[in-house]
């Protein structure tokens, strides 16, 4: 039987926890900041771009999931609980991260409702304000369990609060977010995403191809699985896929694409940083 009052008394227990936190903070914790990227881009972990977490679907048909194992590439395992997320949710998540990237992870960062909406290229009218709040609440209620090799963590995608009078939001980033970025991240061209708005499969493909310096051929069925598509008709999805690829060519994100049997082959010009990566890799092979 435990007689320590610090464990039996709620107040004592809380005081003990605070002492432990303070000791841990002063001894081990160091402020961690996300990588910095220019205002014209959005920095996104590759793990988010190469799976069905932010699916290439219309949000109207979203489902409530409980510890659902999502489709991912090899080496990543993601379980998800909450309302299914789509590409418009990724827009908001990217934007919040973009606005907080210059602050150490774990700090609370405040910004106005109109500031977020302007960054999203949205109006500040009542309908878009309600839409923004619904997305932020959905992201705050989304629980992910991520395994990256031997590392794993779980947590919500956002923590936050709002003030109805001042119309300001306070956001706190999950500390483990840094781990995702350190395992690989991509600078997404924000102007491209704005031009592809309301084209969910094209948006998902844009993220996928952007995260690869040299995209490799994928089968139609692999794209269907990883994008989280709910189109159960193969022929219909293939036509939808062709249209989405054409849209990427139209905005200059892809040079060209073609079907080779059941595979999708694309030609894409790498970014300057990706080209440097390719040059280093080729130099290593020589």
Protein backbone atom coordinates (compact mmCIF):
# COMPACT_ATOMS: atom_id res chain seq x y z
CA UNK A 1 0.00 0.00 0.00
CA UNK A 2 1.43 3.39 -0.98
CA UNK A 3 1.44 5.99 1.79
CA UNK A 4 3.24 8.75 -0.15
CA UNK A 5 0.88 11.76 -0.06
CA UNK A 6 2.35 13.04 -3.33
CA UNK A 7 0.82 9.99 -5.01
CA UNK A 8 -2.46 9.77 -3.10
CA UNK A 9 -3.30 13.50 -3.14
CA UNK A 10 -4.39 14.93 -6.54
CA UNK A 11 -2.64 18.21 -5.78
CA UNK A 12 0.51 16.41 -4.65
CA UNK A 13 0.48 14.21 -7.73
CA UNK A 14 0.18 17.21 -10.04
CA UNK A 15 3.04 18.97 -8.23
CA UNK A 16 5.20 15.87 -8.64
CA UNK A 17 4.46 15.72 -12.36
CA UNK A 18 5.37 19.39 -12.74
CA UNK A 19 8.71 18.80 -10.98
CA UNK A 20 9.49 15.88 -13.26
CA UNK A 21 8.60 17.93 -16.35
CA UNK A 22 10.69 20.86 -15.19
CA UNK A 23 13.68 18.60 -14.54
CA UNK A 24 13.32 16.87 -17.90
CA UNK A 25 12.90 20.18 -19.68
CA UNK A 26 15.98 21.77 -18.13
CA UNK A 27 18.16 18.68 -18.58
CA UNK A 28 17.20 17.21 -21.93
CA UNK A 29 14.78 19.33 -23.91
CA UNK A 30 16.11 21.63 -26.57
CA UNK A 31 13.96 23.81 -28.81
CA UNK A 32 13.57 22.11 -32.18
CA UNK A 33 12.65 24.05 -35.27
CA UNK A 34 11.35 22.73 -38.55
CA UNK A 35 13.35 23.25 -41.74
CA UNK A 36 12.79 26.63 -43.36
CA UNK A 37 11.46 27.02 -46.88
CA UNK A 38 10.54 30.08 -48.99
CA UNK A 39 7.09 31.65 -48.87
CA UNK A 40 6.22 30.37 -52.37
CA UNK A 41 6.44 26.75 -51.18
CA UNK A 42 5.01 24.51 -48.48
CA UNK A 43 7.17 21.96 -46.66
CA UNK A 44 5.52 18.57 -46.21
CA UNK A 45 6.92 15.28 -44.83
CA UNK A 46 7.29 12.65 -47.54
CA UNK A 47 5.42 10.22 -45.31
CA UNK A 48 2.25 12.35 -45.73
CA UNK A 49 2.67 12.58 -49.52
CA UNK A 50 3.18 8.86 -50.15
CA UNK A 51 0.13 7.38 -48.50
CA UNK A 52 -3.64 7.62 -48.19
CA UNK A 53 -3.65 9.85 -45.09
CA UNK A 54 -4.75 12.88 -47.10
CA UNK A 55 -6.69 10.98 -49.72
CA UNK A 56 -7.32 12.08 -53.28
CA UNK A 57 -11.08 12.05 -52.76
CA UNK A 58 -14.01 14.42 -52.52
CA UNK A 59 -14.55 15.17 -48.83
CA UNK A 60 -18.33 14.81 -49.02
CA UNK A 61 -18.04 11.03 -48.78
CA UNK A 62 -15.56 10.94 -45.89
CA UNK A 63 -15.93 8.15 -43.32
CA UNK A 64 -15.20 7.87 -39.62
CA UNK A 65 -12.26 5.48 -39.15
CA UNK A 66 -10.96 3.72 -36.06
CA UNK A 67 -7.35 2.56 -35.96
CA UNK A 68 -7.52 2.03 -39.72
CA UNK A 69 -4.33 0.77 -41.36
CA UNK A 70 -3.78 3.13 -44.29
CA UNK A 71 -2.17 2.31 -47.62
CA UNK A 72 1.47 3.46 -47.56
CA UNK A 73 4.77 2.79 -49.27
CA UNK A 74 7.11 0.16 -47.86
CA UNK A 75 8.86 1.15 -44.64
CA UNK A 76 6.02 3.28 -43.28
CA UNK A 77 3.02 2.12 -41.26
CA UNK A 78 0.21 4.53 -40.42
CA UNK A 79 -2.93 3.81 -38.44
CA UNK A 80 -5.60 6.47 -38.37
CA UNK A 81 -8.54 7.28 -36.12
CA UNK A 82 -10.98 10.09 -36.86
CA UNK A 83 -12.85 11.51 -39.81
CA UNK A 84 -11.14 10.66 -43.07
CA UNK A 85 -8.93 13.46 -44.40
CA UNK A 86 -8.73 14.79 -47.95
CA UNK A 87 -6.57 17.19 -49.96
CA UNK A 88 -8.33 20.33 -48.72
CA UNK A 89 -7.43 19.23 -45.19
CA UNK A 90 -3.82 18.95 -46.36
CA UNK A 91 -4.03 22.52 -47.69
CA UNK A 92 -4.94 23.76 -44.22
CA UNK A 93 -2.38 21.56 -42.44
CA UNK A 94 0.37 22.74 -44.81
CA UNK A 95 -0.61 26.37 -44.26
CA UNK A 96 -0.65 26.14 -40.47
CA UNK A 97 2.78 24.47 -40.54
CA UNK A 98 3.97 27.16 -42.96
CA UNK A 99 2.87 29.93 -40.60
CA UNK A 100 4.47 28.29 -37.55
CA UNK A 101 7.70 27.03 -39.15
CA UNK A 102 9.88 29.82 -37.75
CA UNK A 103 8.95 28.98 -34.15
CA UNK A 104 10.36 26.09 -32.09
CA UNK A 105 8.11 23.03 -32.08
CA UNK A 106 6.00 22.90 -28.93
CA UNK A 107 5.60 26.67 -28.73
CA UNK A 108 2.12 28.12 -29.00
CA UNK A 109 1.78 30.33 -32.06
CA UNK A 110 -1.09 32.77 -32.53
CA UNK A 111 -2.44 34.14 -35.78
CA UNK A 112 -5.69 35.58 -37.03
CA UNK A 113 -8.42 33.71 -38.85
CA UNK A 114 -8.10 36.10 -41.81
CA UNK A 115 -4.34 35.50 -41.99
CA UNK A 116 -4.86 31.76 -42.47
CA UNK A 117 -7.59 32.29 -45.04
CA UNK A 118 -5.47 34.75 -47.02
CA UNK A 119 -2.59 32.26 -47.06
CA UNK A 120 -5.05 29.68 -48.39
CA UNK A 121 -6.19 32.06 -51.15
CA UNK A 122 -9.69 31.95 -49.65
CA UNK A 123 -12.18 34.69 -48.88
CA UNK A 124 -12.73 35.94 -45.33
CA UNK A 125 -16.49 35.57 -45.60
CA UNK A 126 -18.61 33.58 -43.16
CA UNK A 127 -18.76 30.40 -45.30
CA UNK A 128 -14.97 30.12 -45.58
CA UNK A 129 -14.55 30.96 -41.89
CA UNK A 130 -16.90 28.11 -40.98
CA UNK A 131 -15.10 25.82 -43.41
CA UNK A 132 -11.71 26.68 -41.86
CA UNK A 133 -12.94 26.00 -38.34
CA UNK A 134 -14.42 22.65 -39.39
CA UNK A 135 -11.09 21.61 -40.94
CA UNK A 136 -9.03 22.68 -37.92
CA UNK A 137 -11.36 20.76 -35.59
CA UNK A 138 -11.13 17.70 -37.86
CA UNK A 139 -7.32 17.88 -37.87
CA UNK A 140 -7.27 18.28 -34.07
CA UNK A 141 -9.43 15.16 -33.76
CA UNK A 142 -7.30 13.11 -36.16
CA UNK A 143 -5.09 10.61 -34.30
CA UNK A 144 -2.22 9.01 -36.20
CA UNK A 145 0.04 6.16 -35.15
CA UNK A 146 3.18 6.23 -37.27
CA UNK A 147 5.99 3.67 -37.54
CA UNK A 148 9.08 4.67 -39.51
CA UNK A 149 11.50 1.76 -39.35
CA UNK A 150 12.33 1.32 -35.68
CA UNK A 151 10.81 4.67 -34.68
CA UNK A 152 7.17 5.11 -33.81
CA UNK A 153 4.93 7.73 -32.25
CA UNK A 154 1.29 8.66 -32.00
CA UNK A 155 -0.55 11.93 -31.59
CA UNK A 156 -2.99 14.35 -33.13
CA UNK A 157 -2.17 16.36 -36.24
CA UNK A 158 -2.84 19.69 -34.51
CA UNK A 159 -3.53 21.13 -31.07
CA UNK A 160 -5.28 24.45 -30.83
CA UNK A 161 -7.68 26.92 -29.35
CA UNK A 162 -9.59 29.91 -30.68
CA UNK A 163 -11.02 33.21 -29.46
CA UNK A 164 -14.43 33.96 -30.95
CA UNK A 165 -14.21 37.69 -30.25
CA UNK A 166 -10.78 38.39 -31.72
CA UNK A 167 -11.07 35.60 -34.30
CA UNK A 168 -7.60 34.39 -33.49
CA UNK A 169 -6.27 30.84 -33.33
CA UNK A 170 -3.53 29.50 -31.11
CA UNK A 171 -1.77 26.44 -32.52
CA UNK A 172 0.71 24.10 -30.86
CA UNK A 173 2.65 21.62 -33.00
CA UNK A 174 3.19 18.01 -32.00
CA UNK A 175 6.87 17.70 -30.89
CA UNK A 176 7.34 14.40 -32.75
CA UNK A 177 6.59 16.20 -36.02
CA UNK A 178 10.30 16.93 -36.29
CA UNK A 179 10.99 13.20 -36.69
CA UNK A 180 8.81 13.06 -39.80
CA UNK A 181 10.69 15.92 -41.42
CA UNK A 182 14.07 14.44 -40.58
CA UNK A 183 13.16 11.21 -42.40
CA UNK A 184 12.49 13.19 -45.59
CA UNK A 185 10.41 16.15 -46.70
CA UNK A 186 9.49 17.99 -49.89
CA UNK A 187 8.94 21.61 -50.86
CA UNK A 188 5.55 21.74 -52.58
CA UNK A 189 4.88 24.51 -55.09
CA UNK A 190 1.94 26.35 -53.52
CA UNK A 191 0.87 28.07 -56.74
CA UNK A 192 0.46 24.64 -58.36
CA UNK A 193 -1.77 23.48 -55.51
CA UNK A 194 -3.93 26.59 -55.80
CA UNK A 195 -4.37 25.96 -59.54
CA UNK A 196 -5.36 22.35 -58.86
CA UNK A 197 -7.91 23.17 -56.17
CA UNK A 198 -11.02 20.97 -56.17
CA UNK A 199 -9.15 18.35 -58.24
CA UNK A 200 -8.31 15.90 -55.44
CA UNK A 201 -6.65 13.12 -57.44
CA UNK A 202 -4.49 15.62 -59.35
CA UNK A 203 -3.50 17.19 -56.01
CA UNK A 204 -2.53 13.81 -54.57
CA UNK A 205 -0.49 12.97 -57.69
CA UNK A 206 1.18 16.38 -57.53
CA UNK A 207 2.36 15.63 -54.00
CA UNK A 208 3.53 12.13 -54.93
CA UNK A 209 5.55 13.19 -57.97
CA UNK A 210 6.94 16.28 -56.22
CA UNK A 211 8.39 14.02 -53.52
CA UNK A 212 10.43 12.03 -56.06
CA UNK A 213 13.46 13.45 -57.86
CA UNK A 214 13.12 10.69 -60.46
CA UNK A 215 9.57 9.30 -60.39
CA UNK A 216 9.43 5.59 -61.18
CA UNK A 217 6.57 3.85 -63.03
CA UNK A 218 3.56 2.92 -60.90
CA UNK A 219 0.72 0.58 -61.73
CA UNK A 220 -2.79 1.97 -61.93
CA UNK A 221 -3.82 -0.29 -59.04
CA UNK A 222 -0.95 1.03 -56.86
CA UNK A 223 -2.03 4.63 -57.45
CA UNK A 224 -5.62 3.64 -56.70
CA UNK A 225 -4.55 2.09 -53.39
CA UNK A 226 -2.08 4.75 -52.21
CA UNK A 227 -4.34 7.67 -53.14
CA UNK A 228 -7.20 6.24 -51.07
CA UNK A 229 -9.57 6.34 -54.04
CA UNK A 230 -13.10 5.09 -53.45
CA UNK A 231 -13.78 4.58 -57.17
CA UNK A 232 -14.34 0.83 -57.32
CA UNK A 233 -14.60 0.61 -61.12
CA UNK A 234 -11.15 0.05 -62.67
CA UNK A 235 -11.95 1.55 -66.06
CA UNK A 236 -13.58 4.60 -64.53
CA UNK A 237 -10.62 5.19 -62.22
CA UNK A 238 -8.16 4.83 -65.10
CA UNK A 239 -10.02 7.54 -67.04
CA UNK A 240 -10.09 9.72 -63.92
CA UNK A 241 -6.35 9.14 -63.54
CA UNK A 242 -5.66 10.12 -67.16
CA UNK A 243 -7.56 13.36 -66.69
CA UNK A 244 -5.63 14.15 -63.50
CA UNK A 245 -2.29 13.50 -65.23
CA UNK A 246 -3.32 15.77 -68.10
CA UNK A 247 -4.05 18.49 -65.53
CA UNK A 248 -0.51 18.15 -64.15
CA UNK A 249 0.90 18.58 -67.66
CA UNK A 250 -1.28 21.65 -68.22
CA UNK A 251 0.16 23.47 -65.20
CA UNK A 252 3.72 22.40 -66.06
CA UNK A 253 4.19 20.05 -63.11
CA UNK A 254 4.81 17.15 -65.52
CA UNK A 255 6.45 17.29 -68.94
CA UNK A 256 4.54 14.28 -70.24
CA UNK A 257 3.02 10.95 -69.24
CA UNK A 258 1.83 7.70 -70.83
CA UNK A 259 0.33 4.34 -70.01
CA UNK A 260 2.72 1.44 -70.62
CA UNK A 261 0.46 -1.54 -70.17
CA UNK A 262 -0.85 -1.18 -66.63
CA UNK A 263 1.93 1.18 -65.60
CA UNK A 264 1.97 4.96 -65.53
CA UNK A 265 5.23 6.47 -66.76
CA UNK A 266 5.93 10.19 -66.38
CA UNK A 267 8.60 12.69 -67.38
CA UNK A 268 9.20 15.45 -64.85
CA UNK A 269 11.82 18.19 -64.54
CA UNK A 270 13.37 17.97 -61.06
CA UNK A 271 13.69 21.05 -58.89
CA UNK A 272 17.12 22.61 -58.40
CA UNK A 273 17.59 20.88 -55.04
CA UNK A 274 16.45 17.55 -56.47
CA UNK A 275 18.86 17.94 -59.38
CA UNK A 276 21.71 18.51 -56.93
CA UNK A 277 20.63 15.35 -55.12
CA UNK A 278 20.65 13.41 -58.40
CA UNK A 279 24.08 14.77 -59.30
CA UNK A 280 25.48 13.73 -55.91
CA UNK A 281 23.95 10.28 -56.27
CA UNK A 282 25.40 9.82 -59.76
CA UNK A 283 28.78 11.01 -58.52
CA UNK A 284 28.70 8.44 -55.73
CA UNK A 285 27.97 5.62 -58.18
CA UNK A 286 31.00 6.41 -60.36
